[in-house]
Every structure is written in C-alpha cells, then in structure tokens.
Amino acid sequence: MLSEHGPGRLRVSGSSATVVAVMRVLRAELGIDLPTAKAVARRVVTGEYEGTLPEMEHLARKLRQAGITAAATRE
C-alpha cells in the first residue's frame, strides 16, 4: 500500500494539539494501549509520525473531529 499511495506524514498544530488530546484519538482509532499511544502521540505532535497517505488522512480527519487542527501531507 505504501508503494501504491506513497508515504504521508501527520501534522498537528495549535494549542489543542496536546499529547493527551492526540492520545485519546489514537487510542480510539488504532486500538493501542496507553504506553504505545503516548509514544505515538509524541511522534505526531513533533511531526515525526508517518505511514501511508490514506492512513494519515483518516487520522487527520478524526483529529479534526476532536477539535485538533491536523493535516496529512505527502512526504
């Protein structure tokens, strides 16, 4: 899927983009445990989280629904 759609990066911004707020969305969407969600949320907040563009677009949409400014960008 990555070779077909290309890599993407998840970007968040604004004061609502806290690690805790991002963690809530990640846990609900990815079904991951608290320690993993914390590590992934830190990568999201620092702009280091990447995957397929469709995956990043899905997570960005869910983050926006939670009131967090988010966008998926192509690498």
C-alpha atoms as a PDB file:
ATOM      1  CA  MET A   1       0.000   0.000   0.000  1.00  0.00           C
ATOM      2  CA  LEU A   2       2.855   2.362   0.766  1.00  0.00           C
ATOM      3  CA  SER A   3       4.371   1.921  -2.697  1.00  0.00           C
ATOM      4  CA  GLU A   4       0.952   2.384  -4.321  1.00  0.00           C
ATOM      5  CA  HIS A   5      -0.141   5.504  -2.414  1.00  0.00           C
ATOM      6  CA  GLY A   6       3.176   6.906  -1.237  1.00  0.00           C
ATOM      7  CA  PRO A   7       4.253   7.952   2.240  1.00  0.00           C
ATOM      8  CA  GLY A   8       2.436  10.586   4.235  1.00  0.00           C
ATOM      9  CA  ARG A   9       3.068  12.479   7.435  1.00  0.00           C
ATOM     10  CA  LEU A  10       0.565  13.579  10.045  1.00  0.00           C
ATOM     11  CA  ARG A  11       0.880  17.207  11.154  1.00  0.00           C
ATOM     12  CA  VAL A  12      -0.949  18.849  14.055  1.00  0.00           C
ATOM     13  CA  SER A  13      -0.852  22.435  15.248  1.00  0.00           C
ATOM     14  CA  GLY A  14      -2.431  24.874  17.649  1.00  0.00           C
ATOM     15  CA  SER A  15      -2.973  24.862  21.369  1.00  0.00           C
ATOM     16  CA  SER A  16      -5.482  21.992  21.134  1.00  0.00           C
ATOM     17  CA  ALA A  17      -2.781  19.663  19.773  1.00  0.00           C
ATOM     18  CA  THR A  18      -1.575  18.406  23.152  1.00  0.00           C
ATOM     19  CA  VAL A  19      -0.142  14.937  23.647  1.00  0.00           C
ATOM     20  CA  VAL A  20      -3.130  13.993  25.839  1.00  0.00           C
ATOM     21  CA  ALA A  21      -5.717  15.135  23.273  1.00  0.00           C
ATOM     22  CA  VAL A  22      -3.931  13.328  20.448  1.00  0.00           C
ATOM     23  CA  MET A  23      -3.588  10.204  22.618  1.00  0.00           C
ATOM     24  CA  ARG A  24      -7.368   9.983  23.074  1.00  0.00           C
ATOM     25  CA  VAL A  25      -7.946   9.918  19.343  1.00  0.00           C
ATOM     26  CA  LEU A  26      -5.116   7.460  18.678  1.00  0.00           C
ATOM     27  CA  ARG A  27      -6.341   5.032  21.312  1.00  0.00           C
ATOM     28  CA  ALA A  28      -9.857   5.092  19.886  1.00  0.00           C
ATOM     29  CA  GLU A  29      -8.796   4.803  16.249  1.00  0.00           C
ATOM     30  CA  LEU A  30      -5.816   2.460  16.494  1.00  0.00           C
ATOM     31  CA  GLY A  31      -6.886   0.372  19.482  1.00  0.00           C
ATOM     32  CA  ILE A  32      -3.488   0.721  21.126  1.00  0.00           C
ATOM     33  CA  ASP A  33      -2.592   0.648  24.799  1.00  0.00           C
ATOM     34  CA  LEU A  34      -1.750   3.718  26.859  1.00  0.00           C
ATOM     35  CA  PRO A  35       2.084   3.487  26.721  1.00  0.00           C
ATOM     36  CA  THR A  36       2.031   2.959  22.954  1.00  0.00           C
ATOM     37  CA  ALA A  37      -0.476   5.795  22.481  1.00  0.00           C
ATOM     38  CA  LYS A  38       1.759   8.116  24.483  1.00  0.00           C
ATOM     39  CA  ALA A  39       4.792   7.285  22.342  1.00  0.00           C
ATOM     40  CA  VAL A  40       2.865   7.638  19.078  1.00  0.00           C
ATOM     41  CA  ALA A  41       1.234  10.905  20.212  1.00  0.00           C
ATOM     42  CA  ARG A  42       4.651  12.398  20.921  1.00  0.00           C
ATOM     43  CA  ARG A  43       5.724  11.468  17.382  1.00  0.00           C
ATOM     44  CA  VAL A  44       2.539  13.041  15.990  1.00  0.00           C
ATOM     45  CA  VAL A  45       2.996  16.292  17.956  1.00  0.00           C
ATOM     46  CA  THR A  46       6.647  16.593  16.854  1.00  0.00           C
ATOM     47  CA  GLY A  47       5.780  15.867  13.203  1.00  0.00           C
ATOM     48  CA  GLU A  48       7.626  12.549  13.077  1.00  0.00           C
ATOM     49  CA  TYR A  49       4.654  10.187  12.610  1.00  0.00           C
ATOM     50  CA  GLU A  50       4.308   8.765   9.114  1.00  0.00           C
ATOM     51  CA  GLY A  51       2.583   5.995   7.223  1.00  0.00           C
ATOM     52  CA  THR A  52       0.516   5.672   4.087  1.00  0.00           C
ATOM     53  CA  LEU A  53      -1.197   8.834   2.928  1.00  0.00           C
ATOM     54  CA  PRO A  54      -4.699   7.305   3.261  1.00  0.00           C
ATOM     55  CA  GLU A  55      -3.930   6.286   6.866  1.00  0.00           C
ATOM     56  CA  MET A  56      -2.647   9.748   7.709  1.00  0.00           C
ATOM     57  CA  GLU A  57      -5.692  11.362   6.066  1.00  0.00           C
ATOM     58  CA  HIS A  58      -8.004   9.147   8.128  1.00  0.00           C
ATOM     59  CA  LEU A  59      -6.260  10.067  11.385  1.00  0.00           C
ATOM     60  CA  ALA A  60      -6.173  13.762  10.441  1.00  0.00           C
ATOM     61  CA  ARG A  61      -9.933  13.671   9.851  1.00  0.00           C
ATOM     62  CA  LYS A  62     -10.537  12.048  13.245  1.00  0.00           C
ATOM     63  CA  LEU A  63      -8.258  14.555  14.971  1.00  0.00           C
ATOM     64  CA  ARG A  64     -10.121  17.458  13.339  1.00  0.00           C
ATOM     65  CA  GLN A  65     -13.426  15.969  14.516  1.00  0.00           C
ATOM     66  CA  ALA A  66     -11.957  16.075  18.036  1.00  0.00           C
ATOM     67  CA  GLY A  67     -11.145  19.777  17.636  1.00  0.00           C
ATOM     68  CA  ILE A  68      -7.451  19.398  16.820  1.00  0.00           C
ATOM     69  CA  THR A  69      -6.005  21.166  13.782  1.00  0.00           C
ATOM     70  CA  ALA A  70      -4.497  18.342  11.730  1.00  0.00           C
ATOM     71  CA  ALA A  71      -3.453  17.630   8.170  1.00  0.00           C
ATOM     72  CA  ALA A  72      -1.951  14.781   6.207  1.00  0.00           C
ATOM     73  CA  THR A  73       0.928  15.772   3.959  1.00  0.00           C
ATOM     74  CA  ARG A  74       2.782  13.875   1.275  1.00  0.00           C
ATOM     75  CA  GLU A  75       6.420  13.157   2.059  1.00  0.00           C
END
